[in-house]
Amino acid sequence: MSFSQFVRKIYDSVIHLSSDKHALAWLFVISFVESSFFPIPPDIMLIPMILATPKKAWKIAGVCTLASVIGAYLGYIIGFYFFELIAEPLLEFYGYLEKFNEFKNLYSEYGAWIVFGAGITPFPYKIITIASGVVQLNLVVFTIASIIARGLRFFVIAWLLKVYGERMRTFIEKNLGWLSVLFLILLIGGFLVIKLF
């Protein structure tokens, strides 16, 4: 079985869990493990769950955010204590080791922004949580950036789905990558304007 077939099989299993009677608990688990080692983002459960029960949109997004931030600590611990034993082989398995080495060098100056940026975009968040542990990013900075980023990502998706329903689901799934990058550019641009003036 190739890596892409392996990921596809996991993806299909996660989609199936979104209609399970224990879907909220499964969402917590998927969100938790995705922040440290799991390849499939929780959005694929979050979206159908909110569409099925829009009245629970905020609760679903809250569970997803909480679990993701708690899971980020596991990634941090892996990077801090077990980089050579666990993190390095894990990053190599997913083909992220080269990306990790590139980002590692940027942490001293831009640590909080890197965590924030990865938290709201489709960039694999596990790379950032592990890297944060490796470089021993300040835990308070790491926590704040993770809460804001993951909260923004999941609550904005929940709001869009609550308001626009199925049409927004199709749009988000097709354009999640560039929408996240555009949001990040606008946000950083806003901070730069405030700083300059």
N, C-alpha and C. Protein backbone atom coordinates (compact mmCIF):
# COMPACT_ATOMS: atom_id res chain seq x y z
N MET A 1 0.85 -1.19 0.00
CA MET A 1 0.00 0.00 0.00
C MET A 1 0.88 1.24 0.00
N SER A 2 0.62 2.15 -0.94
CA SER A 2 1.42 3.38 -1.01
C SER A 2 0.99 4.33 0.09
N PHE A 3 1.83 5.37 0.31
CA PHE A 3 1.51 6.36 1.34
C PHE A 3 0.21 7.08 1.03
N SER A 4 -0.02 7.44 -0.26
CA SER A 4 -1.25 8.15 -0.63
C SER A 4 -2.48 7.27 -0.41
N GLN A 5 -2.35 5.96 -0.68
CA GLN A 5 -3.47 5.03 -0.42
C GLN A 5 -3.74 4.90 1.08
N PHE A 6 -2.65 4.88 1.86
CA PHE A 6 -2.76 4.81 3.32
C PHE A 6 -3.51 6.04 3.85
N VAL A 7 -3.11 7.22 3.38
CA VAL A 7 -3.75 8.47 3.82
C VAL A 7 -5.21 8.50 3.39
N ARG A 8 -5.49 8.05 2.15
CA ARG A 8 -6.86 8.04 1.65
C ARG A 8 -7.74 7.12 2.50
N LYS A 9 -7.21 5.98 2.90
CA LYS A 9 -7.96 5.03 3.74
C LYS A 9 -8.30 5.67 5.08
N ILE A 10 -7.33 6.36 5.68
CA ILE A 10 -7.56 7.05 6.95
C ILE A 10 -8.59 8.16 6.74
N TYR A 11 -8.46 8.90 5.66
CA TYR A 11 -9.39 9.99 5.34
C TYR A 11 -10.83 9.48 5.28
N ASP A 12 -11.04 8.39 4.55
CA ASP A 12 -12.39 7.81 4.42
C ASP A 12 -12.93 7.36 5.77
N SER A 13 -12.06 6.80 6.62
CA SER A 13 -12.48 6.36 7.96
C SER A 13 -12.90 7.54 8.82
N VAL A 14 -12.14 8.63 8.72
CA VAL A 14 -12.46 9.84 9.51
C VAL A 14 -13.78 10.44 9.06
N ILE A 15 -14.01 10.50 7.75
CA ILE A 15 -15.29 10.99 7.21
C ILE A 15 -16.45 10.17 7.78
N HIS A 16 -16.28 8.86 7.82
CA HIS A 16 -17.31 7.97 8.34
C HIS A 16 -17.61 8.28 9.82
N LEU A 17 -16.59 8.61 10.59
CA LEU A 17 -16.76 8.91 12.02
C LEU A 17 -17.63 10.15 12.27
N SER A 18 -17.70 11.06 11.28
CA SER A 18 -18.47 12.30 11.48
C SER A 18 -19.96 12.04 11.61
N SER A 19 -20.42 10.87 11.18
CA SER A 19 -21.85 10.53 11.33
C SER A 19 -22.10 9.53 12.46
N ASP A 20 -21.05 9.18 13.18
CA ASP A 20 -21.15 8.25 14.31
C ASP A 20 -21.88 8.92 15.48
N LYS A 21 -22.55 8.12 16.31
CA LYS A 21 -23.27 8.71 17.45
C LYS A 21 -22.32 9.34 18.47
N HIS A 22 -21.05 8.95 18.43
CA HIS A 22 -20.04 9.53 19.31
C HIS A 22 -19.12 10.48 18.53
N ALA A 23 -19.70 11.14 17.52
CA ALA A 23 -18.91 11.98 16.61
C ALA A 23 -18.14 13.07 17.34
N LEU A 24 -18.75 13.69 18.36
CA LEU A 24 -18.08 14.77 19.09
C LEU A 24 -16.83 14.26 19.80
N ALA A 25 -16.92 13.07 20.39
CA ALA A 25 -15.76 12.47 21.05
C ALA A 25 -14.69 12.12 20.02
N TRP A 26 -15.11 11.60 18.87
CA TRP A 26 -14.16 11.28 17.80
C TRP A 26 -13.50 12.55 17.27
N LEU A 27 -14.27 13.62 17.16
CA LEU A 27 -13.72 14.90 16.71
C LEU A 27 -12.63 15.38 17.67
N PHE A 28 -12.88 15.21 18.97
CA PHE A 28 -11.88 15.58 19.99
C PHE A 28 -10.60 14.79 19.76
N VAL A 29 -10.75 13.48 19.57
CA VAL A 29 -9.58 12.61 19.38
C VAL A 29 -8.82 13.00 18.11
N ILE A 30 -9.54 13.17 17.00
CA ILE A 30 -8.89 13.51 15.72
C ILE A 30 -8.19 14.87 15.82
N SER A 31 -8.85 15.85 16.43
CA SER A 31 -8.25 17.18 16.59
C SER A 31 -7.01 17.12 17.47
N PHE A 32 -7.07 16.32 18.50
CA PHE A 32 -5.94 16.16 19.42
C PHE A 32 -4.73 15.56 18.71
N VAL A 33 -4.92 14.43 18.05
CA VAL A 33 -3.78 13.73 17.44
C VAL A 33 -3.26 14.44 16.19
N GLU A 34 -4.13 15.19 15.51
CA GLU A 34 -3.69 15.90 14.30
C GLU A 34 -2.65 16.97 14.63
N SER A 35 -2.70 17.51 15.83
CA SER A 35 -1.75 18.55 16.21
C SER A 35 -0.35 18.02 16.50
N SER A 36 -0.21 16.70 16.57
CA SER A 36 1.12 16.16 16.91
C SER A 36 1.63 15.08 15.96
N PHE A 37 0.73 14.26 15.37
CA PHE A 37 1.26 13.22 14.48
C PHE A 37 0.31 12.71 13.40
N PHE A 38 -0.99 12.97 13.52
CA PHE A 38 -1.98 12.40 12.60
C PHE A 38 -2.04 13.21 11.29
N PRO A 39 -2.13 12.53 10.11
CA PRO A 39 -2.04 13.27 8.84
C PRO A 39 -3.32 13.97 8.37
N ILE A 40 -4.49 13.62 8.91
CA ILE A 40 -5.76 14.16 8.41
C ILE A 40 -6.27 15.29 9.29
N PRO A 41 -6.56 16.47 8.70
CA PRO A 41 -7.05 17.60 9.51
C PRO A 41 -8.48 17.37 10.01
N PRO A 42 -8.82 17.95 11.16
CA PRO A 42 -10.15 17.74 11.73
C PRO A 42 -11.28 18.40 10.95
N ASP A 43 -10.94 19.29 10.03
CA ASP A 43 -11.95 19.98 9.23
C ASP A 43 -12.88 19.02 8.51
N ILE A 44 -12.36 17.85 8.13
CA ILE A 44 -13.19 16.92 7.37
C ILE A 44 -14.29 16.29 8.23
N MET A 45 -14.14 16.36 9.54
CA MET A 45 -15.23 15.96 10.44
C MET A 45 -16.05 17.17 10.85
N LEU A 46 -15.36 18.27 11.10
CA LEU A 46 -15.99 19.51 11.56
C LEU A 46 -17.09 19.96 10.59
N ILE A 47 -16.78 19.97 9.30
CA ILE A 47 -17.72 20.50 8.30
C ILE A 47 -19.02 19.70 8.24
N PRO A 48 -18.98 18.38 8.02
CA PRO A 48 -20.27 17.66 7.97
C PRO A 48 -21.03 17.67 9.30
N MET A 49 -20.30 17.70 10.42
CA MET A 49 -20.97 17.72 11.72
C MET A 49 -21.75 19.02 11.91
N ILE A 50 -21.16 20.15 11.51
CA ILE A 50 -21.85 21.44 11.66
C ILE A 50 -23.02 21.52 10.70
N LEU A 51 -22.84 21.02 9.48
CA LEU A 51 -23.95 21.04 8.51
C LEU A 51 -25.12 20.19 8.99
N ALA A 52 -24.81 19.09 9.67
CA ALA A 52 -25.87 18.20 10.18
C ALA A 52 -26.60 18.81 11.37
N THR A 53 -25.86 19.54 12.22
CA THR A 53 -26.46 20.16 13.42
C THR A 53 -25.96 21.60 13.58
N PRO A 54 -26.46 22.54 12.76
CA PRO A 54 -25.97 23.92 12.81
C PRO A 54 -26.16 24.60 14.17
N LYS A 55 -27.15 24.15 14.95
CA LYS A 55 -27.36 24.75 16.27
C LYS A 55 -26.20 24.46 17.22
N LYS A 56 -25.44 23.41 16.93
CA LYS A 56 -24.31 23.04 17.78
C LYS A 56 -22.97 23.51 17.20
N ALA A 57 -23.02 24.43 16.23
CA ALA A 57 -21.81 24.87 15.53
C ALA A 57 -20.73 25.36 16.47
N TRP A 58 -21.12 26.21 17.47
CA TRP A 58 -20.12 26.78 18.38
C TRP A 58 -19.53 25.72 19.30
N LYS A 59 -20.38 24.80 19.73
CA LYS A 59 -19.90 23.72 20.60
C LYS A 59 -18.91 22.83 19.83
N ILE A 60 -19.25 22.50 18.59
CA ILE A 60 -18.39 21.66 17.77
C ILE A 60 -17.05 22.35 17.52
N ALA A 61 -17.10 23.63 17.16
CA ALA A 61 -15.86 24.39 16.92
C ALA A 61 -15.05 24.52 18.21
N GLY A 62 -15.73 24.67 19.34
CA GLY A 62 -15.04 24.78 20.63
C GLY A 62 -14.32 23.50 21.00
N VAL A 63 -14.98 22.36 20.80
CA VAL A 63 -14.36 21.06 21.08
C VAL A 63 -13.13 20.87 20.18
N CYS A 64 -13.29 21.21 18.91
CA CYS A 64 -12.21 21.08 17.95
C CYS A 64 -11.01 21.95 18.35
N THR A 65 -11.28 23.18 18.75
CA THR A 65 -10.22 24.11 19.17
C THR A 65 -9.52 23.62 20.43
N LEU A 66 -10.30 23.27 21.44
CA LEU A 66 -9.74 22.81 22.71
C LEU A 66 -8.84 21.59 22.51
N ALA A 67 -9.36 20.60 21.78
CA ALA A 67 -8.59 19.38 21.56
C ALA A 67 -7.32 19.64 20.75
N SER A 68 -7.42 20.53 19.78
CA SER A 68 -6.27 20.86 18.95
C SER A 68 -5.17 21.53 19.75
N VAL A 69 -5.56 22.44 20.63
CA VAL A 69 -4.57 23.14 21.47
C VAL A 69 -3.94 22.18 22.47
N ILE A 70 -4.76 21.32 23.10
CA ILE A 70 -4.21 20.33 24.03
C ILE A 70 -3.26 19.38 23.29
N GLY A 71 -3.67 18.95 22.09
CA GLY A 71 -2.83 18.08 21.28
C GLY A 71 -1.52 18.73 20.87
N ALA A 72 -1.55 20.06 20.73
CA ALA A 72 -0.34 20.79 20.37
C ALA A 72 0.75 20.61 21.44
N TYR A 73 0.33 20.47 22.69
CA TYR A 73 1.30 20.23 23.77
C TYR A 73 2.00 18.88 23.60
N LEU A 74 1.27 17.88 23.08
CA LEU A 74 1.89 16.58 22.82
C LEU A 74 2.98 16.74 21.76
N GLY A 75 2.67 17.49 20.70
CA GLY A 75 3.67 17.76 19.68
C GLY A 75 4.88 18.47 20.26
N TYR A 76 4.62 19.45 21.13
CA TYR A 76 5.69 20.20 21.79
C TYR A 76 6.57 19.25 22.62
N ILE A 77 5.92 18.36 23.38
CA ILE A 77 6.65 17.40 24.22
C ILE A 77 7.50 16.45 23.36
N ILE A 78 6.91 16.00 22.23
CA ILE A 78 7.66 15.13 21.32
C ILE A 78 8.92 15.84 20.83
N GLY A 79 8.78 17.09 20.43
CA GLY A 79 9.93 17.86 19.96
C GLY A 79 10.94 18.14 21.06
N PHE A 80 10.44 18.43 22.25
CA PHE A 80 11.31 18.81 23.37
C PHE A 80 12.11 17.62 23.91
N TYR A 81 11.42 16.49 24.11
CA TYR A 81 12.06 15.35 24.76
C TYR A 81 12.47 14.21 23.82
N PHE A 82 11.76 14.05 22.73
CA PHE A 82 11.94 12.84 21.92
C PHE A 82 12.21 13.12 20.44
N PHE A 83 12.90 14.20 20.14
CA PHE A 83 13.08 14.55 18.73
C PHE A 83 13.74 13.42 17.94
N GLU A 84 14.89 12.96 18.38
CA GLU A 84 15.62 11.94 17.61
C GLU A 84 14.90 10.59 17.62
N LEU A 85 14.26 10.26 18.73
CA LEU A 85 13.60 8.96 18.86
C LEU A 85 12.26 8.91 18.10
N ILE A 86 11.44 9.96 18.25
CA ILE A 86 10.09 9.94 17.68
C ILE A 86 9.91 10.97 16.56
N ALA A 87 10.25 12.22 16.86
CA ALA A 87 9.91 13.31 15.94
C ALA A 87 10.61 13.20 14.59
N GLU A 88 11.91 12.94 14.61
CA GLU A 88 12.66 12.88 13.35
C GLU A 88 12.14 11.77 12.42
N PRO A 89 11.95 10.52 12.92
CA PRO A 89 11.38 9.49 12.04
C PRO A 89 9.95 9.81 11.58
N LEU A 90 9.16 10.43 12.48
CA LEU A 90 7.78 10.79 12.15
C LEU A 90 7.74 11.83 11.04
N LEU A 91 8.57 12.87 11.17
CA LEU A 91 8.65 13.91 10.15
C LEU A 91 9.16 13.34 8.83
N GLU A 92 10.10 12.43 8.91
CA GLU A 92 10.64 11.81 7.70
C GLU A 92 9.59 10.93 7.03
N PHE A 93 8.80 10.19 7.84
CA PHE A 93 7.75 9.32 7.32
C PHE A 93 6.73 10.11 6.51
N TYR A 94 6.33 11.28 7.02
CA TYR A 94 5.35 12.11 6.33
C TYR A 94 5.98 12.99 5.25
N GLY A 95 7.31 12.92 5.11
CA GLY A 95 7.99 13.74 4.11
C GLY A 95 8.12 15.19 4.51
N TYR A 96 8.08 15.47 5.82
CA TYR A 96 8.11 16.85 6.32
C TYR A 96 9.47 17.26 6.89
N LEU A 97 10.45 16.36 6.89
CA LEU A 97 11.72 16.65 7.55
C LEU A 97 12.42 17.84 6.93
N GLU A 98 12.40 17.92 5.61
CA GLU A 98 13.06 19.04 4.93
C GLU A 98 12.37 20.36 5.27
N LYS A 99 11.02 20.35 5.25
CA LYS A 99 10.27 21.56 5.62
C LYS A 99 10.58 21.96 7.06
N PHE A 100 10.65 20.95 7.92
CA PHE A 100 10.93 21.20 9.32
C PHE A 100 12.27 21.92 9.49
N ASN A 101 13.29 21.42 8.81
CA ASN A 101 14.63 22.02 8.93
C ASN A 101 14.65 23.47 8.43
N GLU A 102 13.84 23.77 7.41
CA GLU A 102 13.75 25.14 6.90
C GLU A 102 13.12 26.06 7.95
N PHE A 103 12.02 25.60 8.53
CA PHE A 103 11.31 26.44 9.50
C PHE A 103 12.04 26.57 10.83
N LYS A 104 12.80 25.57 11.18
CA LYS A 104 13.52 25.57 12.45
C LYS A 104 14.40 26.82 12.60
N ASN A 105 15.01 27.21 11.48
CA ASN A 105 15.92 28.36 11.51
C ASN A 105 15.21 29.70 11.70
N LEU A 106 13.93 29.75 11.44
CA LEU A 106 13.18 31.01 11.56
C LEU A 106 12.60 31.25 12.96
N TYR A 107 12.66 30.24 13.81
CA TYR A 107 11.96 30.30 15.10
C TYR A 107 12.47 31.37 16.05
N SER A 108 13.76 31.61 16.06
CA SER A 108 14.28 32.54 17.06
C SER A 108 13.64 33.92 16.95
N GLU A 109 13.33 34.33 15.72
CA GLU A 109 12.77 35.67 15.54
C GLU A 109 11.25 35.69 15.36
N TYR A 110 10.71 34.66 14.72
CA TYR A 110 9.30 34.70 14.34
C TYR A 110 8.46 33.57 14.94
N GLY A 111 8.87 33.01 16.06
CA GLY A 111 8.19 31.85 16.64
C GLY A 111 6.69 31.97 16.78
N ALA A 112 6.21 33.05 17.38
CA ALA A 112 4.77 33.22 17.60
C ALA A 112 4.02 33.32 16.28
N TRP A 113 4.58 34.05 15.32
CA TRP A 113 3.94 34.22 14.02
C TRP A 113 3.90 32.90 13.25
N ILE A 114 4.94 32.10 13.39
CA ILE A 114 4.98 30.81 12.70
C ILE A 114 3.90 29.89 13.26
N VAL A 115 3.79 29.84 14.57
CA VAL A 115 2.75 29.01 15.21
C VAL A 115 1.37 29.50 14.77
N PHE A 116 1.17 30.82 14.81
CA PHE A 116 -0.12 31.39 14.43
C PHE A 116 -0.45 31.08 12.97
N GLY A 117 0.54 31.33 12.09
CA GLY A 117 0.31 31.11 10.66
C GLY A 117 -0.03 29.68 10.33
N ALA A 118 0.69 28.75 10.92
CA ALA A 118 0.42 27.33 10.67
C ALA A 118 -0.91 26.92 11.28
N GLY A 119 -1.30 27.58 12.37
CA GLY A 119 -2.54 27.23 13.05
C GLY A 119 -3.79 27.55 12.27
N ILE A 120 -3.72 28.57 11.38
CA ILE A 120 -4.92 28.93 10.62
C ILE A 120 -4.88 28.48 9.17
N THR A 121 -3.71 28.04 8.70
CA THR A 121 -3.59 27.62 7.30
C THR A 121 -3.55 26.09 7.21
N PRO A 122 -3.58 25.57 5.99
CA PRO A 122 -3.50 24.11 5.83
C PRO A 122 -2.10 23.54 6.05
N PHE A 123 -1.12 24.40 6.34
CA PHE A 123 0.23 23.91 6.60
C PHE A 123 0.16 22.90 7.75
N PRO A 124 0.85 21.76 7.64
CA PRO A 124 0.75 20.73 8.70
C PRO A 124 1.15 21.27 10.08
N TYR A 125 0.17 21.42 10.95
CA TYR A 125 0.38 22.03 12.27
C TYR A 125 1.34 21.21 13.13
N LYS A 126 1.37 19.89 12.90
CA LYS A 126 2.25 19.02 13.70
C LYS A 126 3.72 19.40 13.53
N ILE A 127 4.10 19.87 12.34
CA ILE A 127 5.49 20.29 12.11
C ILE A 127 5.82 21.43 13.06
N ILE A 128 4.89 22.36 13.20
CA ILE A 128 5.12 23.54 14.02
C ILE A 128 5.11 23.20 15.51
N THR A 129 4.21 22.34 15.93
CA THR A 129 4.17 22.00 17.36
C THR A 129 5.45 21.26 17.77
N ILE A 130 5.90 20.35 16.91
CA ILE A 130 7.13 19.61 17.19
C ILE A 130 8.33 20.56 17.16
N ALA A 131 8.37 21.41 16.14
CA ALA A 131 9.47 22.38 16.02
C ALA A 131 9.51 23.32 17.22
N SER A 132 8.36 23.69 17.72
CA SER A 132 8.29 24.58 18.89
C SER A 132 8.94 23.93 20.10
N GLY A 133 8.73 22.63 20.26
CA GLY A 133 9.37 21.90 21.34
C GLY A 133 10.87 21.77 21.15
N VAL A 134 11.29 21.51 19.92
CA VAL A 134 12.72 21.37 19.62
C VAL A 134 13.48 22.64 19.96
N VAL A 135 12.93 23.80 19.55
CA VAL A 135 13.64 25.07 19.80
C VAL A 135 13.25 25.68 21.15
N GLN A 136 12.39 24.99 21.90
CA GLN A 136 11.95 25.43 23.22
C GLN A 136 11.32 26.83 23.19
N LEU A 137 10.39 27.00 22.23
CA LEU A 137 9.64 28.24 22.14
C LEU A 137 8.93 28.48 23.48
N ASN A 138 8.91 29.72 23.92
CA ASN A 138 8.25 30.09 25.17
C ASN A 138 6.84 29.49 25.19
N LEU A 139 6.53 28.75 26.25
CA LEU A 139 5.27 28.01 26.32
C LEU A 139 4.05 28.93 26.37
N VAL A 140 4.18 30.09 26.99
CA VAL A 140 3.06 31.05 27.04
C VAL A 140 2.78 31.58 25.64
N VAL A 141 3.84 31.95 24.91
CA VAL A 141 3.70 32.43 23.53
C VAL A 141 3.08 31.34 22.66
N PHE A 142 3.58 30.12 22.81
CA PHE A 142 3.08 28.98 22.06
C PHE A 142 1.59 28.76 22.32
N THR A 143 1.20 28.82 23.59
CA THR A 143 -0.20 28.59 23.98
C THR A 143 -1.12 29.67 23.41
N ILE A 144 -0.75 30.93 23.59
CA ILE A 144 -1.58 32.04 23.11
C ILE A 144 -1.74 31.99 21.59
N ALA A 145 -0.62 31.79 20.89
CA ALA A 145 -0.67 31.73 19.42
C ALA A 145 -1.53 30.55 18.96
N SER A 146 -1.43 29.42 19.65
CA SER A 146 -2.22 28.24 19.28
C SER A 146 -3.71 28.46 19.51
N ILE A 147 -4.06 29.03 20.67
CA ILE A 147 -5.48 29.27 20.97
C ILE A 147 -6.11 30.22 19.96
N ILE A 148 -5.42 31.32 19.69
CA ILE A 148 -5.97 32.31 18.75
C ILE A 148 -6.07 31.72 17.35
N ALA A 149 -5.00 31.08 16.89
CA ALA A 149 -4.98 30.55 15.52
C ALA A 149 -6.00 29.44 15.31
N ARG A 150 -5.98 28.45 16.19
CA ARG A 150 -6.90 27.33 16.02
C ARG A 150 -8.35 27.78 16.24
N GLY A 151 -8.55 28.66 17.21
CA GLY A 151 -9.90 29.19 17.42
C GLY A 151 -10.41 29.93 16.21
N LEU A 152 -9.58 30.80 15.64
CA LEU A 152 -9.99 31.53 14.43
C LEU A 152 -10.34 30.58 13.30
N ARG A 153 -9.46 29.64 13.08
CA ARG A 153 -9.69 28.70 11.97
C ARG A 153 -11.02 27.96 12.11
N PHE A 154 -11.25 27.35 13.26
CA PHE A 154 -12.42 26.50 13.42
C PHE A 154 -13.71 27.30 13.63
N PHE A 155 -13.64 28.43 14.34
CA PHE A 155 -14.85 29.22 14.56
C PHE A 155 -15.28 29.99 13.32
N VAL A 156 -14.32 30.42 12.49
CA VAL A 156 -14.69 31.09 11.23
C VAL A 156 -15.37 30.08 10.31
N ILE A 157 -14.83 28.87 10.22
CA ILE A 157 -15.46 27.83 9.40
C ILE A 157 -16.86 27.53 9.94
N ALA A 158 -17.00 27.44 11.26
CA ALA A 158 -18.31 27.16 11.87
C ALA A 158 -19.30 28.27 11.55
N TRP A 159 -18.87 29.51 11.66
CA TRP A 159 -19.74 30.66 11.38
C TRP A 159 -20.19 30.65 9.91
N LEU A 160 -19.25 30.43 8.99
CA LEU A 160 -19.58 30.41 7.57
C LEU A 160 -20.57 29.30 7.25
N LEU A 161 -20.36 28.14 7.84
CA LEU A 161 -21.27 27.02 7.60
C LEU A 161 -22.64 27.26 8.22
N LYS A 162 -22.65 27.87 9.38
CA LYS A 162 -23.93 28.17 10.07
C LYS A 162 -24.75 29.16 9.25
N VAL A 163 -24.07 30.13 8.68
CA VAL A 163 -24.77 31.18 7.94
C VAL A 163 -25.10 30.76 6.50
N TYR A 164 -24.14 30.12 5.83
CA TYR A 164 -24.31 29.85 4.39
C TYR A 164 -24.52 28.38 4.03
N GLY A 165 -24.39 27.48 5.00
CA GLY A 165 -24.72 26.07 4.79
C GLY A 165 -23.92 25.34 3.72
N GLU A 166 -24.62 24.52 2.96
CA GLU A 166 -23.99 23.61 1.99
C GLU A 166 -23.18 24.34 0.92
N ARG A 167 -23.67 25.52 0.49
CA ARG A 167 -22.91 26.29 -0.52
C ARG A 167 -21.53 26.64 0.00
N MET A 168 -21.46 27.00 1.29
CA MET A 168 -20.18 27.38 1.88
C MET A 168 -19.28 26.15 2.07
N ARG A 169 -19.88 25.01 2.34
CA ARG A 169 -19.08 23.79 2.47
C ARG A 169 -18.30 23.53 1.17
N THR A 170 -18.99 23.59 0.05
CA THR A 170 -18.35 23.36 -1.24
C THR A 170 -17.25 24.38 -1.49
N PHE A 171 -17.56 25.63 -1.19
CA PHE A 171 -16.58 26.71 -1.40
C PHE A 171 -15.35 26.52 -0.51
N ILE A 172 -15.55 26.23 0.77
CA ILE A 172 -14.44 26.05 1.72
C ILE A 172 -13.57 24.87 1.30
N GLU A 173 -14.20 23.75 0.97
CA GLU A 173 -13.42 22.57 0.60
C GLU A 173 -12.58 22.81 -0.65
N LYS A 174 -13.11 23.58 -1.60
CA LYS A 174 -12.37 23.84 -2.83
C LYS A 174 -11.27 24.89 -2.65
N ASN A 175 -11.47 25.81 -1.70
CA ASN A 175 -10.58 26.98 -1.61
C ASN A 175 -9.93 27.20 -0.26
N LEU A 176 -9.92 26.18 0.61
CA LEU A 176 -9.40 26.35 1.97
C LEU A 176 -7.96 26.84 1.98
N GLY A 177 -7.14 26.31 1.10
CA GLY A 177 -5.73 26.70 1.06
C GLY A 177 -5.51 28.17 0.81
N TRP A 178 -6.03 28.68 -0.29
CA TRP A 178 -5.78 30.08 -0.60
C TRP A 178 -6.55 31.03 0.30
N LEU A 179 -7.71 30.63 0.79
CA LEU A 179 -8.45 31.48 1.73
C LEU A 179 -7.66 31.69 3.02
N SER A 180 -7.05 30.63 3.53
CA SER A 180 -6.25 30.72 4.76
C SER A 180 -5.03 31.60 4.55
N VAL A 181 -4.36 31.43 3.41
CA VAL A 181 -3.17 32.24 3.11
C VAL A 181 -3.57 33.70 2.96
N LEU A 182 -4.67 33.97 2.26
CA LEU A 182 -5.15 35.35 2.08
C LEU A 182 -5.47 35.99 3.42
N PHE A 183 -6.14 35.25 4.30
CA PHE A 183 -6.48 35.77 5.63
C PHE A 183 -5.21 36.12 6.40
N LEU A 184 -4.21 35.23 6.32
CA LEU A 184 -2.94 35.47 7.03
C LEU A 184 -2.24 36.71 6.49
N ILE A 185 -2.22 36.88 5.17
CA ILE A 185 -1.58 38.06 4.56
C ILE A 185 -2.27 39.33 5.01
N LEU A 186 -3.60 39.33 5.00
CA LEU A 186 -4.36 40.50 5.43
C LEU A 186 -4.11 40.82 6.90
N LEU A 187 -4.05 39.78 7.72
CA LEU A 187 -3.82 39.98 9.15
C LEU A 187 -2.44 40.57 9.42
N ILE A 188 -1.42 39.99 8.80
CA ILE A 188 -0.06 40.49 8.99
C ILE A 188 0.06 41.91 8.44
N GLY A 189 -0.58 42.14 7.28
CA GLY A 189 -0.59 43.49 6.70
C GLY A 189 -1.21 44.50 7.65
N GLY A 190 -2.30 44.08 8.31
CA GLY A 190 -2.95 44.96 9.28
C GLY A 190 -2.04 45.31 10.44
N PHE A 191 -1.32 44.32 10.97
CA PHE A 191 -0.38 44.56 12.06
C PHE A 191 0.76 45.49 11.63
N LEU A 192 1.23 45.31 10.39
CA LEU A 192 2.32 46.16 9.88
C LEU A 192 1.86 47.61 9.73
N VAL A 193 0.63 47.80 9.26
CA VAL A 193 0.08 49.16 9.14
C VAL A 193 -0.02 49.82 10.51
N ILE A 194 -0.51 49.06 11.50
CA ILE A 194 -0.61 49.60 12.87
C ILE A 194 0.76 49.97 13.40
N LYS A 195 1.75 49.11 13.13
CA LYS A 195 3.10 49.35 13.63
C LYS A 195 3.73 50.59 12.97
N LEU A 196 3.49 50.77 11.69
CA LEU A 196 4.08 51.89 10.94
C LEU A 196 3.44 53.22 11.29
N PHE A 197 2.15 53.19 11.62
CA PHE A 197 1.44 54.43 11.90
C PHE A 197 1.07 54.48 13.35
